[in-house]
């Protein structure tokens, strides 16, 4: 079973990287353009993936094909993680997923800076977690509840709102020419 999951994960990762590449999200100029609000390719790709994934996973859950096991989280850890992610993203121009795609394309900046950043960041996080982040994980701890559970609504209400938001944003971006 484990080998089958690894093969499925590998194939899914290759498809994901290929689609990131075809969408242009592994190009430094496209990512920096998103950060400068001059190219909305990345936000379109990411929101499309979030909507598709949300609909797909809750559809599978609805028919009892999958069961969700969300990890516990906290606003403290998410805030610090978001800041670290954002700084790395702004400095290098890649996120972890696009680093992998860019390395696959042979981009040296991603291979050297990106892989080194991921390795160093993981090393420091693992070393600092017991002391620095353990207390931070208690701030705003919401356990393993999902957004629908936190808001006490049916998951499809959140998904419907997300779909409406995404369609509206895409329409605004198209009208504005962005």
Protein backbone atom coordinates (compact mmCIF):
# COMPACT_ATOMS: atom_id res chain seq x y z
CA UNK A 1 0.00 0.00 0.00
CA UNK A 2 2.80 2.43 0.85
CA UNK A 3 4.56 1.83 -2.47
CA UNK A 4 1.29 2.45 -4.33
CA UNK A 5 0.83 5.76 -2.46
CA UNK A 6 4.40 6.79 -3.31
CA UNK A 7 3.86 6.03 -6.99
CA UNK A 8 0.58 7.97 -7.01
CA UNK A 9 2.27 10.87 -5.22
CA UNK A 10 5.17 10.88 -7.66
CA UNK A 11 2.87 10.83 -10.69
CA UNK A 12 0.67 13.56 -9.16
CA UNK A 13 3.76 15.68 -8.44
CA UNK A 14 5.03 15.32 -12.00
CA UNK A 15 1.63 16.32 -13.39
CA UNK A 16 1.45 19.26 -10.96
CA UNK A 17 4.93 20.44 -11.98
CA UNK A 18 4.10 20.05 -15.67
CA UNK A 19 0.92 22.10 -15.24
CA UNK A 20 2.78 24.78 -13.26
CA UNK A 21 5.30 24.96 -16.08
CA UNK A 22 2.66 25.10 -18.81
CA UNK A 23 0.83 27.82 -16.88
CA UNK A 24 4.02 29.87 -16.62
CA UNK A 25 4.22 29.71 -12.82
CA UNK A 26 7.79 28.36 -12.81
CA UNK A 27 9.13 31.51 -14.50
CA UNK A 28 10.75 34.07 -12.26
CA UNK A 29 9.34 37.00 -14.28
CA UNK A 30 5.77 35.71 -13.92
CA UNK A 31 6.09 35.29 -10.15
CA UNK A 32 7.71 38.69 -9.65
CA UNK A 33 4.98 40.16 -11.88
CA UNK A 34 2.40 38.71 -9.47
CA UNK A 35 4.19 40.26 -6.50
CA UNK A 36 4.21 43.62 -8.32
CA UNK A 37 0.54 43.21 -9.36
CA UNK A 38 1.42 43.39 -13.06
CA UNK A 39 0.81 39.73 -13.95
CA UNK A 40 -2.06 37.77 -12.39
CA UNK A 41 -1.11 34.36 -13.79
CA UNK A 42 -0.12 32.94 -10.40
CA UNK A 43 -3.27 34.04 -8.53
CA UNK A 44 -5.40 32.58 -11.33
CA UNK A 45 -3.55 29.25 -11.18
CA UNK A 46 -3.62 29.05 -7.39
CA UNK A 47 -7.28 30.03 -6.95
CA UNK A 48 -8.27 27.59 -9.70
CA UNK A 49 -6.36 24.86 -7.86
CA UNK A 50 -7.91 25.75 -4.49
CA UNK A 51 -11.45 25.74 -5.92
CA UNK A 52 -10.90 22.51 -7.85
CA UNK A 53 -9.29 20.83 -4.85
CA UNK A 54 -12.02 22.00 -2.47
CA UNK A 55 -14.84 20.80 -4.69
CA UNK A 56 -13.02 17.53 -5.41
CA UNK A 57 -12.07 16.63 -1.86
CA UNK A 58 -15.48 17.44 -0.39
CA UNK A 59 -17.19 15.59 -3.25
CA UNK A 60 -15.06 12.53 -2.42
CA UNK A 61 -15.78 13.01 1.29
CA UNK A 62 -19.51 13.30 0.61
CA UNK A 63 -19.48 9.86 -1.01
CA UNK A 64 -17.25 8.42 1.75
CA UNK A 65 -14.40 7.75 -0.67
CA UNK A 66 -11.96 9.71 1.51
CA UNK A 67 -11.81 10.79 5.11
CA UNK A 68 -10.19 14.06 6.13
CA UNK A 69 -7.51 14.17 8.81
CA UNK A 70 -6.69 17.87 9.20
CA UNK A 71 -3.60 18.73 11.19
CA UNK A 72 -3.95 20.99 14.19
CA UNK A 73 -2.98 24.60 13.75
CA UNK A 74 -2.83 27.98 15.39
CA UNK A 75 -2.95 31.59 14.32
CA UNK A 76 0.47 32.11 15.93
CA UNK A 77 2.25 29.45 13.86
CA UNK A 78 0.35 30.36 10.69
CA UNK A 79 1.32 34.01 11.07
CA UNK A 80 5.01 33.29 11.57
CA UNK A 81 4.98 30.66 8.82
CA UNK A 82 3.27 33.09 6.46
CA UNK A 83 5.85 35.77 7.20
CA UNK A 84 8.76 33.40 6.64
CA UNK A 85 7.16 32.07 3.46
CA UNK A 86 6.46 35.61 2.22
CA UNK A 87 9.99 36.85 2.86
CA UNK A 88 11.49 33.85 1.06
CA UNK A 89 9.00 34.22 -1.77
CA UNK A 90 9.76 37.93 -2.19
CA UNK A 91 13.54 37.47 -1.98
CA UNK A 92 13.83 34.53 -4.35
CA UNK A 93 10.72 34.87 -6.48
CA UNK A 94 9.65 31.26 -6.00
CA UNK A 95 7.49 29.29 -3.58
CA UNK A 96 8.32 25.65 -2.71
CA UNK A 97 6.11 24.25 -5.48
CA UNK A 98 7.45 26.55 -8.16
CA UNK A 99 11.02 25.94 -6.96
CA UNK A 100 10.58 22.26 -7.77
CA UNK A 101 9.16 23.10 -11.19
CA UNK A 102 11.90 25.64 -11.89
CA UNK A 103 14.61 23.16 -10.84
CA UNK A 104 13.02 20.66 -13.25
CA UNK A 105 13.37 23.31 -15.98
CA UNK A 106 17.05 23.72 -15.11
CA UNK A 107 16.88 27.22 -13.60
CA UNK A 108 20.04 27.64 -11.52
CA UNK A 109 18.63 30.38 -9.27
CA UNK A 110 15.93 27.97 -8.10
CA UNK A 111 18.33 25.03 -7.86
CA UNK A 112 20.90 26.89 -5.78
CA UNK A 113 18.95 29.54 -3.86
CA UNK A 114 15.65 27.70 -3.65
CA UNK A 115 16.88 24.29 -2.59
CA UNK A 116 19.39 25.85 -0.17
CA UNK A 117 16.61 28.04 1.29
CA UNK A 118 14.30 25.08 1.77
CA UNK A 119 17.04 23.01 3.39
CA UNK A 120 18.24 25.79 5.70
CA UNK A 121 14.71 26.83 6.60
CA UNK A 122 13.76 23.24 7.45
CA UNK A 123 16.92 22.80 9.50
CA UNK A 124 16.37 25.97 11.53
CA UNK A 125 12.67 25.29 11.99
CA UNK A 126 13.35 21.77 13.28
CA UNK A 127 16.01 23.06 15.63
CA UNK A 128 14.03 26.04 16.90
CA UNK A 129 10.58 24.44 17.14
CA UNK A 130 10.85 22.90 20.62
CA UNK A 131 11.97 26.21 22.17
CA UNK A 132 10.79 29.10 20.02
CA UNK A 133 7.69 27.83 18.28
CA UNK A 134 6.13 25.50 20.84
CA UNK A 135 4.73 28.43 22.87
CA UNK A 136 3.73 30.23 19.69
CA UNK A 137 1.67 27.18 18.67
CA UNK A 138 -0.56 27.79 21.70
CA UNK A 139 -1.53 31.31 20.56
CA UNK A 140 -4.88 31.07 18.80
CA UNK A 141 -4.81 27.29 18.72
CA UNK A 142 -7.84 26.05 16.81
CA UNK A 143 -6.97 22.38 16.91
CA UNK A 144 -7.70 20.23 13.89
CA UNK A 145 -10.97 21.91 12.97
CA UNK A 146 -11.55 23.03 9.41
CA UNK A 147 -12.90 26.46 8.41
CA UNK A 148 -16.47 25.13 8.05
CA UNK A 149 -16.20 23.53 11.50
CA UNK A 150 -14.85 26.76 13.01
CA UNK A 151 -17.70 28.75 11.45
CA UNK A 152 -20.24 25.98 12.21
CA UNK A 153 -21.56 25.85 8.65
CA UNK A 154 -21.90 23.19 6.00
CA UNK A 155 -18.64 22.90 4.00
CA UNK A 156 -20.54 23.52 0.76
CA UNK A 157 -21.48 27.01 2.00
CA UNK A 158 -17.77 27.90 2.22
CA UNK A 159 -17.05 26.24 -1.12
CA UNK A 160 -19.92 28.11 -2.77
CA UNK A 161 -18.62 31.42 -1.35
CA UNK A 162 -15.11 30.54 -2.55
CA UNK A 163 -16.36 29.73 -6.05
CA UNK A 164 -18.35 33.00 -6.20
CA UNK A 165 -15.35 34.99 -4.94
CA UNK A 166 -13.03 33.34 -7.48
CA UNK A 167 -15.37 33.89 -10.43
CA UNK A 168 -15.92 37.52 -9.38
CA UNK A 169 -12.19 38.14 -9.00
CA UNK A 170 -11.45 36.56 -12.39
CA UNK A 171 -14.12 38.73 -14.00
CA UNK A 172 -12.67 41.87 -12.38
CA UNK A 173 -9.17 40.91 -13.54
CA UNK A 174 -10.40 40.32 -17.08
CA UNK A 175 -12.29 43.63 -17.23
CA UNK A 176 -9.32 45.51 -15.81
CA UNK A 177 -7.03 43.89 -18.37
CA UNK A 178 -4.74 42.47 -15.69
